[in-house]
């Protein structure tokens, strides 16, 4: 029996995070939403199969979050997808060394994001 793919959405904009969660849940994902402050504790208790990470957040940007997530055994190899309005080249230039695996621009078609997450997340 297949378990749902666990997706962690890290975004400081609750409205965007809730909208993403609703779409992902319809597609069969199990989703948790958090911000850059609380994400580390959530990962320790609920290791995700894939992380959807905003870049522009207060307190710690997505690059810093990705670096810290990679230090946790629960997230060391978990695919991290940057979900941001920033341009792809700027994100990947800083993101790849920080541990970000892929990029999806906010506002792009949700079916492309869902397909990307499906490819990035390991089968359960």
PDB file of N, CA and C in Angstrom:
ATOM      1  N   UNK A   1       0.847  -1.186   0.000  1.00  0.00           N
ATOM      2  CA  UNK A   1       0.000   0.000   0.000  1.00  0.00           C
ATOM      3  C   UNK A   1       0.885   1.240   0.000  1.00  0.00           C
ATOM      4  N   UNK A   2       0.634   2.136  -0.900  1.00  0.00           N
ATOM      5  CA  UNK A   2       1.427   3.359  -0.985  1.00  0.00           C
ATOM      6  C   UNK A   2       0.950   4.386   0.020  1.00  0.00           C
ATOM      7  N   UNK A   3       1.906   4.985   0.707  1.00  0.00           N
ATOM      8  CA  UNK A   3       1.595   6.099   1.610  1.00  0.00           C
ATOM      9  C   UNK A   3       1.673   7.377   0.799  1.00  0.00           C
ATOM     10  N   UNK A   4       0.948   8.407   1.253  1.00  0.00           N
ATOM     11  CA  UNK A   4       1.051   9.682   0.534  1.00  0.00           C
ATOM     12  C   UNK A   4       2.444  10.284   0.681  1.00  0.00           C
ATOM     13  N   UNK A   5       2.837  11.054  -0.309  1.00  0.00           N
ATOM     14  CA  UNK A   5       4.094  11.792  -0.242  1.00  0.00           C
ATOM     15  C   UNK A   5       3.909  12.934   0.747  1.00  0.00           C
ATOM     16  N   UNK A   6       4.839  13.052   1.685  1.00  0.00           N
ATOM     17  CA  UNK A   6       4.785  14.104   2.703  1.00  0.00           C
ATOM     18  C   UNK A   6       5.544  15.328   2.190  1.00  0.00           C
ATOM     19  N   UNK A   7       4.825  16.433   2.037  1.00  0.00           N
ATOM     20  CA  UNK A   7       5.413  17.676   1.536  1.00  0.00           C
ATOM     21  C   UNK A   7       5.370  18.729   2.630  1.00  0.00           C
ATOM     22  N   UNK A   8       6.504  19.350   2.883  1.00  0.00           N
ATOM     23  CA  UNK A   8       6.584  20.439   3.850  1.00  0.00           C
ATOM     24  C   UNK A   8       6.683  21.748   3.083  1.00  0.00           C
ATOM     25  N   UNK A   9       5.727  22.647   3.316  1.00  0.00           N
ATOM     26  CA  UNK A   9       5.719  23.967   2.688  1.00  0.00           C
ATOM     27  C   UNK A   9       6.245  24.967   3.709  1.00  0.00           C
ATOM     28  N   UNK A  10       7.358  25.622   3.382  1.00  0.00           N
ATOM     29  CA  UNK A  10       7.956  26.631   4.264  1.00  0.00           C
ATOM     30  C   UNK A  10       7.813  27.978   3.568  1.00  0.00           C
ATOM     31  N   UNK A  11       6.945  28.815   4.127  1.00  0.00           N
ATOM     32  CA  UNK A  11       6.657  30.116   3.513  1.00  0.00           C
ATOM     33  C   UNK A  11       6.151  31.051   4.595  1.00  0.00           C
ATOM     34  N   UNK A  12       6.568  32.303   4.544  1.00  0.00           N
ATOM     35  CA  UNK A  12       6.104  33.275   5.536  1.00  0.00           C
ATOM     36  C   UNK A  12       4.729  33.839   5.189  1.00  0.00           C
ATOM     37  N   UNK A  13       4.252  33.610   3.978  1.00  0.00           N
ATOM     38  CA  UNK A  13       2.936  34.093   3.563  1.00  0.00           C
ATOM     39  C   UNK A  13       1.915  32.974   3.761  1.00  0.00           C
ATOM     40  N   UNK A  14       1.149  33.069   4.839  1.00  0.00           N
ATOM     41  CA  UNK A  14       0.182  32.029   5.202  1.00  0.00           C
ATOM     42  C   UNK A  14      -0.833  31.779   4.083  1.00  0.00           C
ATOM     43  N   UNK A  15      -1.235  32.824   3.406  1.00  0.00           N
ATOM     44  CA  UNK A  15      -2.231  32.698   2.337  1.00  0.00           C
ATOM     45  C   UNK A  15      -1.692  31.836   1.190  1.00  0.00           C
ATOM     46  N   UNK A  16      -0.472  32.102   0.785  1.00  0.00           N
ATOM     47  CA  UNK A  16       0.150  31.309  -0.286  1.00  0.00           C
ATOM     48  C   UNK A  16       0.355  29.872   0.175  1.00  0.00           C
ATOM     49  N   UNK A  17       0.840  29.699   1.393  1.00  0.00           N
ATOM     50  CA  UNK A  17       1.083  28.357   1.919  1.00  0.00           C
ATOM     51  C   UNK A  17      -0.210  27.546   1.991  1.00  0.00           C
ATOM     52  N   UNK A  18      -1.292  28.160   2.461  1.00  0.00           N
ATOM     53  CA  UNK A  18      -2.582  27.463   2.553  1.00  0.00           C
ATOM     54  C   UNK A  18      -3.096  27.075   1.166  1.00  0.00           C
ATOM     55  N   UNK A  19      -2.949  27.970   0.207  1.00  0.00           N
ATOM     56  CA  UNK A  19      -3.400  27.679  -1.157  1.00  0.00           C
ATOM     57  C   UNK A  19      -2.605  26.517  -1.759  1.00  0.00           C
ATOM     58  N   UNK A  20      -1.291  26.527  -1.556  1.00  0.00           N
ATOM     59  CA  UNK A  20      -0.459  25.421  -2.049  1.00  0.00           C
ATOM     60  C   UNK A  20      -0.842  24.111  -1.380  1.00  0.00           C
ATOM     61  N   UNK A  21      -1.035  24.162  -0.072  1.00  0.00           N
ATOM     62  CA  UNK A  21      -1.405  22.955   0.666  1.00  0.00           C
ATOM     63  C   UNK A  21      -2.718  22.381   0.148  1.00  0.00           C
ATOM     64  N   UNK A  22      -3.691  23.232  -0.096  1.00  0.00           N
ATOM     65  CA  UNK A  22      -4.991  22.765  -0.589  1.00  0.00           C
ATOM     66  C   UNK A  22      -4.844  22.044  -1.928  1.00  0.00           C
ATOM     67  N   UNK A  23      -4.065  22.615  -2.826  1.00  0.00           N
ATOM     68  CA  UNK A  23      -3.856  22.001  -4.143  1.00  0.00           C
ATOM     69  C   UNK A  23      -3.104  20.678  -3.998  1.00  0.00           C
ATOM     70  N   UNK A  24      -2.057  20.671  -3.196  1.00  0.00           N
ATOM     71  CA  UNK A  24      -1.266  19.447  -3.022  1.00  0.00           C
ATOM     72  C   UNK A  24      -2.080  18.339  -2.364  1.00  0.00           C
ATOM     73  N   UNK A  25      -2.913  18.689  -1.398  1.00  0.00           N
ATOM     74  CA  UNK A  25      -3.744  17.680  -0.737  1.00  0.00           C
ATOM     75  C   UNK A  25      -4.734  17.053  -1.711  1.00  0.00           C
ATOM     76  N   UNK A  26      -5.306  17.847  -2.600  1.00  0.00           N
ATOM     77  CA  UNK A  26      -6.205  17.312  -3.626  1.00  0.00           C
ATOM     78  C   UNK A  26      -5.456  16.312  -4.510  1.00  0.00           C
ATOM     79  N   UNK A  27      -4.167  16.558  -4.725  1.00  0.00           N
ATOM     80  CA  UNK A  27      -3.340  15.678  -5.555  1.00  0.00           C
ATOM     81  C   UNK A  27      -2.813  14.465  -4.788  1.00  0.00           C
ATOM     82  N   UNK A  28      -3.172  14.335  -3.518  1.00  0.00           N
ATOM     83  CA  UNK A  28      -2.794  13.156  -2.748  1.00  0.00           C
ATOM     84  C   UNK A  28      -1.593  13.319  -1.840  1.00  0.00           C
ATOM     85  N   UNK A  29      -1.029  14.506  -1.759  1.00  0.00           N
ATOM     86  CA  UNK A  29       0.091  14.757  -0.859  1.00  0.00           C
ATOM     87  C   UNK A  29      -0.430  14.941   0.564  1.00  0.00           C
ATOM     88  N   UNK A  30       0.357  14.538   1.527  1.00  0.00           N
ATOM     89  CA  UNK A  30       0.132  14.915   2.918  1.00  0.00           C
ATOM     90  C   UNK A  30       0.995  16.154   3.141  1.00  0.00           C
ATOM     91  N   UNK A  31       0.417  17.238   3.650  1.00  0.00           N
ATOM     92  CA  UNK A  31       1.114  18.520   3.689  1.00  0.00           C
ATOM     93  C   UNK A  31       1.123  19.105   5.092  1.00  0.00           C
ATOM     94  N   UNK A  32       2.261  19.667   5.455  1.00  0.00           N
ATOM     95  CA  UNK A  32       2.369  20.508   6.646  1.00  0.00           C
ATOM     96  C   UNK A  32       2.905  21.858   6.185  1.00  0.00           C
ATOM     97  N   UNK A  33       2.444  22.908   6.863  1.00  0.00           N
ATOM     98  CA  UNK A  33       2.850  24.280   6.561  1.00  0.00           C
ATOM     99  C   UNK A  33       3.582  24.837   7.767  1.00  0.00           C
ATOM    100  N   UNK A  34       4.649  25.577   7.505  1.00  0.00           N
ATOM    101  CA  UNK A  34       5.376  26.216   8.591  1.00  0.00           C
ATOM    102  C   UNK A  34       6.109  27.443   8.052  1.00  0.00           C
ATOM    103  N   UNK A  35       6.817  28.102   8.948  1.00  0.00           N
ATOM    104  CA  UNK A  35       7.639  29.247   8.555  1.00  0.00           C
ATOM    105  C   UNK A  35       9.098  28.902   8.820  1.00  0.00           C
ATOM    106  N   UNK A  36       9.981  29.858   8.552  1.00  0.00           N
ATOM    107  CA  UNK A  36      11.416  29.592   8.684  1.00  0.00           C
ATOM    108  C   UNK A  36      11.857  29.452  10.140  1.00  0.00           C
ATOM    109  N   UNK A  37      11.051  29.886  11.075  1.00  0.00           N
ATOM    110  CA  UNK A  37      11.411  29.786  12.490  1.00  0.00           C
ATOM    111  C   UNK A  37      11.103  28.395  13.038  1.00  0.00           C
ATOM    112  N   UNK A  38       9.963  27.835  12.662  1.00  0.00           N
ATOM    113  CA  UNK A  38       9.493  26.579  13.250  1.00  0.00           C
ATOM    114  C   UNK A  38       9.783  25.341  12.400  1.00  0.00           C
ATOM    115  N   UNK A  39      10.312  25.516  11.212  1.00  0.00           N
ATOM    116  CA  UNK A  39      10.481  24.384  10.296  1.00  0.00           C
ATOM    117  C   UNK A  39      11.426  23.305  10.822  1.00  0.00           C
ATOM    118  N   UNK A  40      12.436  23.686  11.561  1.00  0.00           N
ATOM    119  CA  UNK A  40      13.435  22.708  12.001  1.00  0.00           C
ATOM    120  C   UNK A  40      12.849  21.723  13.012  1.00  0.00           C
ATOM    121  N   UNK A  41      12.025  22.212  13.921  1.00  0.00           N
ATOM    122  CA  UNK A  41      11.371  21.326  14.887  1.00  0.00           C
ATOM    123  C   UNK A  41      10.378  20.404  14.191  1.00  0.00           C
ATOM    124  N   UNK A  42       9.671  20.921  13.210  1.00  0.00           N
ATOM    125  CA  UNK A  42       8.711  20.088  12.477  1.00  0.00           C
ATOM    126  C   UNK A  42       9.440  18.974  11.731  1.00  0.00           C
ATOM    127  N   UNK A  43      10.551  19.290  11.086  1.00  0.00           N
ATOM    128  CA  UNK A  43      11.310  18.278  10.346  1.00  0.00           C
ATOM    129  C   UNK A  43      11.798  17.171  11.280  1.00  0.00           C
ATOM    130  N   UNK A  44      12.186  17.518  12.489  1.00  0.00           N
ATOM    131  CA  UNK A  44      12.659  16.506  13.444  1.00  0.00           C
ATOM    132  C   UNK A  44      11.544  15.533  13.835  1.00  0.00           C
ATOM    133  N   UNK A  45      10.305  16.027  13.913  1.00  0.00           N
ATOM    134  CA  UNK A  45       9.173  15.181  14.314  1.00  0.00           C
ATOM    135  C   UNK A  45       8.465  14.551  13.123  1.00  0.00           C
ATOM    136  N   UNK A  46       8.544  15.184  11.964  1.00  0.00           N
ATOM    137  CA  UNK A  46       7.785  14.776  10.779  1.00  0.00           C
ATOM    138  C   UNK A  46       8.680  14.929   9.550  1.00  0.00           C
ATOM    139  N   UNK A  47       9.577  13.982   9.320  1.00  0.00           N
ATOM    140  CA  UNK A  47      10.491  14.100   8.176  1.00  0.00           C
ATOM    141  C   UNK A  47       9.719  14.064   6.847  1.00  0.00           C
ATOM    142  N   UNK A  48       9.827  15.115   6.050  1.00  0.00           N
ATOM    143  CA  UNK A  48       9.097  15.153   4.776  1.00  0.00           C
ATOM    144  C   UNK A  48       9.816  14.367   3.683  1.00  0.00           C
ATOM    145  N   UNK A  49       9.069  14.050   2.629  1.00  0.00           N
ATOM    146  CA  UNK A  49       9.660  13.445   1.435  1.00  0.00           C
ATOM    147  C   UNK A  49      10.165  14.501   0.467  1.00  0.00           C
ATOM    148  N   UNK A  50       9.612  15.714   0.579  1.00  0.00           N
ATOM    149  CA  UNK A  50      10.005  16.829  -0.276  1.00  0.00           C
ATOM    150  C   UNK A  50       9.684  18.130   0.462  1.00  0.00           C
ATOM    151  N   UNK A  51      10.516  19.155   0.235  1.00  0.00           N
ATOM    152  CA  UNK A  51      10.320  20.471   0.854  1.00  0.00           C
ATOM    153  C   UNK A  51      10.093  21.497  -0.246  1.00  0.00           C
ATOM    154  N   UNK A  52       9.070  22.307  -0.063  1.00  0.00           N
ATOM    155  CA  UNK A  52       8.780  23.430  -0.953  1.00  0.00           C
ATOM    156  C   UNK A  52       9.113  24.689  -0.171  1.00  0.00           C
ATOM    157  N   UNK A  53      10.158  25.408  -0.589  1.00  0.00           N
ATOM    158  CA  UNK A  53      10.776  26.452   0.226  1.00  0.00           C
ATOM    159  C   UNK A  53      10.735  27.820  -0.446  1.00  0.00           C
ATOM    160  N   UNK A  54      10.118  28.786   0.247  1.00  0.00           N
ATOM    161  CA  UNK A  54      10.171  30.177  -0.195  1.00  0.00           C
ATOM    162  C   UNK A  54      11.592  30.689   0.064  1.00  0.00           C
ATOM    163  N   UNK A  55      12.020  31.679  -0.673  1.00  0.00           N
ATOM    164  CA  UNK A  55      13.363  32.233  -0.487  1.00  0.00           C
ATOM    165  C   UNK A  55      13.329  33.532   0.304  1.00  0.00           C
ATOM    166  N   UNK A  56      12.437  34.428  -0.044  1.00  0.00           N
ATOM    167  CA  UNK A  56      12.390  35.736   0.613  1.00  0.00           C
ATOM    168  C   UNK A  56      11.485  35.673   1.844  1.00  0.00           C
ATOM    169  N   UNK A  57      12.119  35.476   3.000  1.00  0.00           N
ATOM    170  CA  UNK A  57      11.395  35.400   4.267  1.00  0.00           C
ATOM    171  C   UNK A  57      12.143  36.222   5.311  1.00  0.00           C
ATOM    172  N   UNK A  58      11.412  36.735   6.307  1.00  0.00           N
ATOM    173  CA  UNK A  58      12.081  37.465   7.392  1.00  0.00           C
ATOM    174  C   UNK A  58      12.815  36.489   8.316  1.00  0.00           C
ATOM    175  N   UNK A  59      13.710  36.988   9.101  1.00  0.00           N
ATOM    176  CA  UNK A  59      14.494  36.240  10.093  1.00  0.00           C
ATOM    177  C   UNK A  59      15.585  35.391   9.459  1.00  0.00           C
ATOM    178  N   UNK A  60      15.227  34.540   8.475  1.00  0.00           N
ATOM    179  CA  UNK A  60      16.208  33.711   7.779  1.00  0.00           C
ATOM    180  C   UNK A  60      15.683  33.477   6.365  1.00  0.00           C
ATOM    181  N   UNK A  61      16.498  33.767   5.365  1.00  0.00           N
ATOM    182  CA  UNK A  61      16.018  33.538   3.996  1.00  0.00           C
ATOM    183  C   UNK A  61      16.084  32.044   3.658  1.00  0.00           C
ATOM    184  N   UNK A  62      15.524  31.694   2.522  1.00  0.00           N
ATOM    185  CA  UNK A  62      15.460  30.294   2.130  1.00  0.00           C
ATOM    186  C   UNK A  62      16.811  29.628   1.953  1.00  0.00           C
ATOM    187  N   UNK A  63      17.823  30.389   1.571  1.00  0.00           N
ATOM    188  CA  UNK A  63      19.166  29.804   1.436  1.00  0.00           C
ATOM    189  C   UNK A  63      19.687  29.359   2.801  1.00  0.00           C
ATOM    190  N   UNK A  64      19.499  30.194   3.802  1.00  0.00           N
ATOM    191  CA  UNK A  64      19.905  29.842   5.163  1.00  0.00           C
ATOM    192  C   UNK A  64      19.116  28.664   5.695  1.00  0.00           C
ATOM    193  N   UNK A  65      17.818  28.640   5.407  1.00  0.00           N
ATOM    194  CA  UNK A  65      16.974  27.521   5.841  1.00  0.00           C
ATOM    195  C   UNK A  65      17.464  26.227   5.199  1.00  0.00           C
ATOM    196  N   UNK A  66      17.736  26.252   3.897  1.00  0.00           N
ATOM    197  CA  UNK A  66      18.205  25.050   3.202  1.00  0.00           C
ATOM    198  C   UNK A  66      19.507  24.536   3.809  1.00  0.00           C
ATOM    199  N   UNK A  67      20.443  25.437   4.094  1.00  0.00           N
ATOM    200  CA  UNK A  67      21.717  25.024   4.707  1.00  0.00           C
ATOM    201  C   UNK A  67      21.485  24.334   6.042  1.00  0.00           C
ATOM    202  N   UNK A  68      20.598  24.907   6.853  1.00  0.00           N
ATOM    203  CA  UNK A  68      20.320  24.329   8.173  1.00  0.00           C
ATOM    204  C   UNK A  68      19.559  23.010   8.058  1.00  0.00           C
ATOM    205  N   UNK A  69      18.630  22.915   7.111  1.00  0.00           N
ATOM    206  CA  UNK A  69      17.901  21.659   6.916  1.00  0.00           C
ATOM    207  C   UNK A  69      18.854  20.537   6.538  1.00  0.00           C
ATOM    208  N   UNK A  70      19.847  20.837   5.712  1.00  0.00           N
ATOM    209  CA  UNK A  70      20.808  19.821   5.278  1.00  0.00           C
ATOM    210  C   UNK A  70      21.650  19.273   6.439  1.00  0.00           C
ATOM    211  N   UNK A  71      21.736  20.017   7.521  1.00  0.00           N
ATOM    212  CA  UNK A  71      22.487  19.560   8.697  1.00  0.00           C
ATOM    213  C   UNK A  71      21.703  18.548   9.522  1.00  0.00           C
ATOM    214  N   UNK A  72      20.392  18.487   9.330  1.00  0.00           N
ATOM    215  CA  UNK A  72      19.543  17.564  10.083  1.00  0.00           C
ATOM    216  C   UNK A  72      19.492  16.217   9.373  1.00  0.00           C
ATOM    217  N   UNK A  73      19.682  15.142  10.114  1.00  0.00           N
ATOM    218  CA  UNK A  73      19.651  13.811   9.502  1.00  0.00           C
ATOM    219  C   UNK A  73      18.305  13.534   8.832  1.00  0.00           C
ATOM    220  N   UNK A  74      17.227  14.095   9.366  1.00  0.00           N
ATOM    221  CA  UNK A  74      15.891  13.865   8.818  1.00  0.00           C
ATOM    222  C   UNK A  74      15.688  14.540   7.459  1.00  0.00           C
ATOM    223  N   UNK A  75      16.576  15.442   7.101  1.00  0.00           N
ATOM    224  CA  UNK A  75      16.381  16.206   5.858  1.00  0.00           C
ATOM    225  C   UNK A  75      17.662  16.296   5.026  1.00  0.00           C
ATOM    226  N   UNK A  76      18.663  15.530   5.396  1.00  0.00           N
ATOM    227  CA  UNK A  76      19.958  15.625   4.716  1.00  0.00           C
ATOM    228  C   UNK A  76      19.858  15.315   3.222  1.00  0.00           C
ATOM    229  N   UNK A  77      18.996  14.375   2.858  1.00  0.00           N
ATOM    230  CA  UNK A  77      18.871  13.967   1.459  1.00  0.00           C
ATOM    231  C   UNK A  77      17.502  14.278   0.862  1.00  0.00           C
ATOM    232  N   UNK A  78      16.679  14.989   1.594  1.00  0.00           N
ATOM    233  CA  UNK A  78      15.328  15.318   1.134  1.00  0.00           C
ATOM    234  C   UNK A  78      15.392  16.352   0.011  1.00  0.00           C
ATOM    235  N   UNK A  79      14.698  16.122  -1.091  1.00  0.00           N
ATOM    236  CA  UNK A  79      14.684  17.127  -2.156  1.00  0.00           C
ATOM    237  C   UNK A  79      14.081  18.449  -1.663  1.00  0.00           C
ATOM    238  N   UNK A  80      14.750  19.540  -1.978  1.00  0.00           N
ATOM    239  CA  UNK A  80      14.280  20.879  -1.624  1.00  0.00           C
ATOM    240  C   UNK A  80      14.047  21.649  -2.919  1.00  0.00           C
ATOM    241  N   UNK A  81      12.821  22.135  -3.086  1.00  0.00           N
ATOM    242  CA  UNK A  81      12.441  22.903  -4.265  1.00  0.00           C
ATOM    243  C   UNK A  81      12.219  24.352  -3.845  1.00  0.00           C
ATOM    244  N   UNK A  82      12.973  25.261  -4.430  1.00  0.00           N
ATOM    245  CA  UNK A  82      12.771  26.688  -4.181  1.00  0.00           C
ATOM    246  C   UNK A  82      11.505  27.124  -4.912  1.00  0.00           C
ATOM    247  N   UNK A  83      10.591  27.758  -4.176  1.00  0.00           N
ATOM    248  CA  UNK A  83       9.340  28.264  -4.749  1.00  0.00           C
ATOM    249  C   UNK A  83       9.306  29.753  -4.454  1.00  0.00           C
ATOM    250  N   UNK A  84       9.629  30.564  -5.447  1.00  0.00           N
ATOM    251  CA  UNK A  84       9.864  31.980  -5.214  1.00  0.00           C
ATOM    252  C   UNK A  84       9.553  32.795  -6.462  1.00  0.00           C
ATOM    253  N   UNK A  85       9.419  34.083  -6.270  1.00  0.00           N
ATOM    254  CA  UNK A  85       9.227  34.979  -7.416  1.00  0.00           C
ATOM    255  C   UNK A  85      10.559  35.504  -7.952  1.00  0.00           C
ATOM    256  N   UNK A  86      11.651  35.178  -7.281  1.00  0.00           N
ATOM    257  CA  UNK A  86      12.975  35.596  -7.747  1.00  0.00           C
ATOM    258  C   UNK A  86      13.341  34.866  -9.040  1.00  0.00           C
ATOM    259  N   UNK A  87      14.206  35.448  -9.869  1.00  0.00           N
ATOM    260  CA  UNK A  87      14.614  34.785 -11.114  1.00  0.00           C
ATOM    261  C   UNK A  87      15.417  33.505 -10.847  1.00  0.00           C
ATOM    262  N   UNK A  88      15.227  32.528 -11.723  1.00  0.00           N
ATOM    263  CA  UNK A  88      15.840  31.213 -11.552  1.00  0.00           C
ATOM    264  C   UNK A  88      17.361  31.273 -11.429  1.00  0.00           C
ATOM    265  N   UNK A  89      18.031  32.033 -12.288  1.00  0.00           N
ATOM    266  CA  UNK A  89      19.493  32.046 -12.251  1.00  0.00           C
ATOM    267  C   UNK A  89      20.008  32.576 -10.917  1.00  0.00           C
ATOM    268  N   UNK A  90      19.367  33.595 -10.374  1.00  0.00           N
ATOM    269  CA  UNK A  90      19.796  34.153  -9.086  1.00  0.00           C
ATOM    270  C   UNK A  90      19.585  33.149  -7.959  1.00  0.00           C
ATOM    271  N   UNK A  91      18.472  32.433  -8.017  1.00  0.00           N
ATOM    272  CA  UNK A  91      18.165  31.455  -6.966  1.00  0.00           C
ATOM    273  C   UNK A  91      19.129  30.283  -7.029  1.00  0.00           C
ATOM    274  N   UNK A  92      19.345  29.733  -8.202  1.00  0.00           N
ATOM    275  CA  UNK A  92      20.196  28.550  -8.306  1.00  0.00           C
ATOM    276  C   UNK A  92      21.663  28.863  -8.046  1.00  0.00           C
ATOM    277  N   UNK A  93      22.102  30.066  -8.382  1.00  0.00           N
ATOM    278  CA  UNK A  93      23.486  30.453  -8.119  1.00  0.00           C
ATOM    279  C   UNK A  93      23.810  30.354  -6.629  1.00  0.00           C
ATOM    280  N   UNK A  94      22.901  30.828  -5.796  1.00  0.00           N
ATOM    281  CA  UNK A  94      23.092  30.736  -4.344  1.00  0.00           C
ATOM    282  C   UNK A  94      22.473  29.465  -3.771  1.00  0.00           C
ATOM    283  N   UNK A  95      21.444  28.965  -4.437  1.00  0.00           N
ATOM    284  CA  UNK A  95      20.680  27.854  -3.890  1.00  0.00           C
ATOM    285  C   UNK A  95      21.361  26.509  -3.975  1.00  0.00           C
ATOM    286  N   UNK A  96      22.024  26.231  -5.065  1.00  0.00           N
ATOM    287  CA  UNK A  96      22.676  24.926  -5.204  1.00  0.00           C
ATOM    288  C   UNK A  96      23.726  24.713  -4.115  1.00  0.00           C
ATOM    289  N   UNK A  97      24.614  25.679  -3.855  1.00  0.00           N
ATOM    290  CA  UNK A  97      25.560  25.480  -2.749  1.00  0.00           C
ATOM    291  C   UNK A  97      24.876  25.366  -1.380  1.00  0.00           C
ATOM    292  N   UNK A  98      23.677  25.939  -1.257  1.00  0.00           N
ATOM    293  CA  UNK A  98      22.946  25.883   0.013  1.00  0.00           C
ATOM    294  C   UNK A  98      22.192  24.568   0.185  1.00  0.00           C
ATOM    295  N   UNK A  99      22.042  23.811  -0.889  1.00  0.00           N
ATOM    296  CA  UNK A  99      21.345  22.535  -0.789  1.00  0.00           C
ATOM    297  C   UNK A  99      19.999  22.488  -1.489  1.00  0.00           C
ATOM    298  N   UNK A 100      19.679  23.500  -2.275  1.00  0.00           N
ATOM    299  CA  UNK A 100      18.428  23.512  -3.032  1.00  0.00           C
ATOM    300  C   UNK A 100      18.620  22.686  -4.302  1.00  0.00           C
ATOM    301  N   UNK A 101      17.640  21.823  -4.580  1.00  0.00           N
ATOM    302  CA  UNK A 101      17.747  20.894  -5.701  1.00  0.00           C
ATOM    303  C   UNK A 101      17.060  21.366  -6.974  1.00  0.00           C
ATOM    304  N   UNK A 102      16.007  22.158  -6.837  1.00  0.00           N
ATOM    305  CA  UNK A 102      15.229  22.559  -8.014  1.00  0.00           C
ATOM    306  C   UNK A 102      14.551  23.895  -7.740  1.00  0.00           C
ATOM    307  N   UNK A 103      13.978  24.450  -8.809  1.00  0.00           N
ATOM    308  CA  UNK A 103      13.375  25.782  -8.757  1.00  0.00           C
ATOM    309  C   UNK A 103      12.023  25.741  -9.442  1.00  0.00           C
ATOM    310  N   UNK A 104      11.051  26.420  -8.858  1.00  0.00           N
ATOM    311  CA  UNK A 104       9.760  26.631  -9.503  1.00  0.00           C
ATOM    312  C   UNK A 104       9.302  28.044  -9.169  1.00  0.00           C
ATOM    313  N   UNK A 105       9.036  28.822 -10.178  1.00  0.00           N
ATOM    314  CA  UNK A 105       8.653  30.228  -9.980  1.00  0.00           C
ATOM    315  C   UNK A 105       7.220  30.328  -9.467  1.00  0.00           C
ATOM    316  N   UNK A 106       7.025  31.147  -8.438  1.00  0.00           N
ATOM    317  CA  UNK A 106       5.673  31.409  -7.939  1.00  0.00           C
ATOM    318  C   UNK A 106       4.859  32.020  -9.066  1.00  0.00           C
ATOM    319  N   UNK A 107       3.623  31.590  -9.167  1.00  0.00           N
ATOM    320  CA  UNK A 107       2.744  32.110 -10.202  1.00  0.00           C
ATOM    321  C   UNK A 107       2.724  31.249 -11.453  1.00  0.00           C
ATOM    322  N   UNK A 108       3.667  30.311 -11.588  1.00  0.00           N
ATOM    323  CA  UNK A 108       3.637  29.394 -12.729  1.00  0.00           C
ATOM    324  C   UNK A 108       2.485  28.412 -12.544  1.00  0.00           C
ATOM    325  N   UNK A 109       2.184  27.692 -13.573  1.00  0.00           N
ATOM    326  CA  UNK A 109       1.089  26.726 -13.522  1.00  0.00           C
ATOM    327  C   UNK A 109       1.316  25.714 -12.402  1.00  0.00           C
ATOM    328  N   UNK A 110       0.271  25.479 -11.626  1.00  0.00           N
ATOM    329  CA  UNK A 110       0.382  24.548 -10.506  1.00  0.00           C
ATOM    330  C   UNK A 110       0.614  23.118 -10.965  1.00  0.00           C
ATOM    331  N   UNK A 111       0.137  22.767 -12.152  1.00  0.00           N
ATOM    332  CA  UNK A 111       0.363  21.404 -12.625  1.00  0.00           C
ATOM    333  C   UNK A 111       1.852  21.144 -12.854  1.00  0.00           C
ATOM    334  N   UNK A 112       2.596  22.167 -13.263  1.00  0.00           N
ATOM    335  CA  UNK A 112       4.051  22.019 -13.420  1.00  0.00           C
ATOM    336  C   UNK A 112       4.715  21.812 -12.064  1.00  0.00           C
ATOM    337  N   UNK A 113       4.267  22.537 -11.056  1.00  0.00           N
ATOM    338  CA  UNK A 113       4.808  22.372  -9.707  1.00  0.00           C
ATOM    339  C   UNK A 113       4.499  20.981  -9.170  1.00  0.00           C
ATOM    340  N   UNK A 114       3.282  20.524  -9.344  1.00  0.00           N
ATOM    341  CA  UNK A 114       2.890  19.198  -8.861  1.00  0.00           C
ATOM    342  C   UNK A 114       3.701  18.116  -9.560  1.00  0.00           C
ATOM    343  N   UNK A 115       3.891  18.255 -10.862  1.00  0.00           N
ATOM    344  CA  UNK A 115       4.703  17.286 -11.604  1.00  0.00           C
ATOM    345  C   UNK A 115       6.138  17.284 -11.096  1.00  0.00           C
ATOM    346  N   UNK A 116       6.693  18.468 -10.853  1.00  0.00           N
ATOM    347  CA  UNK A 116       8.062  18.569 -10.341  1.00  0.00           C
ATOM    348  C   UNK A 116       8.177  17.901  -8.978  1.00  0.00           C
ATOM    349  N   UNK A 117       7.231  18.175  -8.086  1.00  0.00           N
ATOM    350  CA  UNK A 117       7.270  17.562  -6.755  1.00  0.00           C
ATOM    351  C   UNK A 117       7.123  16.051  -6.845  1.00  0.00           C
ATOM    352  N   UNK A 118       6.288  15.586  -7.754  1.00  0.00           N
ATOM    353  CA  UNK A 118       6.124  14.147  -7.934  1.00  0.00           C
ATOM    354  C   UNK A 118       7.398  13.467  -8.396  1.00  0.00           C
ATOM    355  N   UNK A 119       8.157  14.153  -9.231  1.00  0.00           N
ATOM    356  CA  UNK A 119       9.434  13.610  -9.713  1.00  0.00           C
ATOM    357  C   UNK A 119      10.501  13.693  -8.626  1.00  0.00           C
ATOM    358  N   UNK A 120      10.507  14.792  -7.885  1.00  0.00           N
ATOM    359  CA  UNK A 120      11.547  15.020  -6.876  1.00  0.00           C
ATOM    360  C   UNK A 120      11.374  14.129  -5.651  1.00  0.00           C
ATOM    361  N   UNK A 121      10.125  13.873  -5.263  1.00  0.00           N
ATOM    362  CA  UNK A 121       9.866  13.118  -4.033  1.00  0.00           C
ATOM    363  C   UNK A 121      10.092  11.636  -4.274  1.00  0.00           C
ATOM    364  N   UNK A 122      10.777  10.982  -3.348  1.00  0.00           N
ATOM    365  CA  UNK A 122      10.954   9.537  -3.488  1.00  0.00           C
ATOM    366  C   UNK A 122       9.621   8.818  -3.316  1.00  0.00           C
ATOM    367  N   UNK A 123       9.473   7.689  -3.951  1.00  0.00           N
ATOM    368  CA  UNK A 123       8.255   6.891  -3.799  1.00  0.00           C
ATOM    369  C   UNK A 123       8.157   6.377  -2.379  1.00  0.00           C
ATOM    370  N   UNK A 124       6.927   6.324  -1.885  1.00  0.00           N
ATOM    371  CA  UNK A 124       6.713   5.807  -0.525  1.00  0.00           C
ATOM    372  C   UNK A 124       5.864   4.573  -0.566  1.00  0.00           C
TER     373      UNK A 124
END
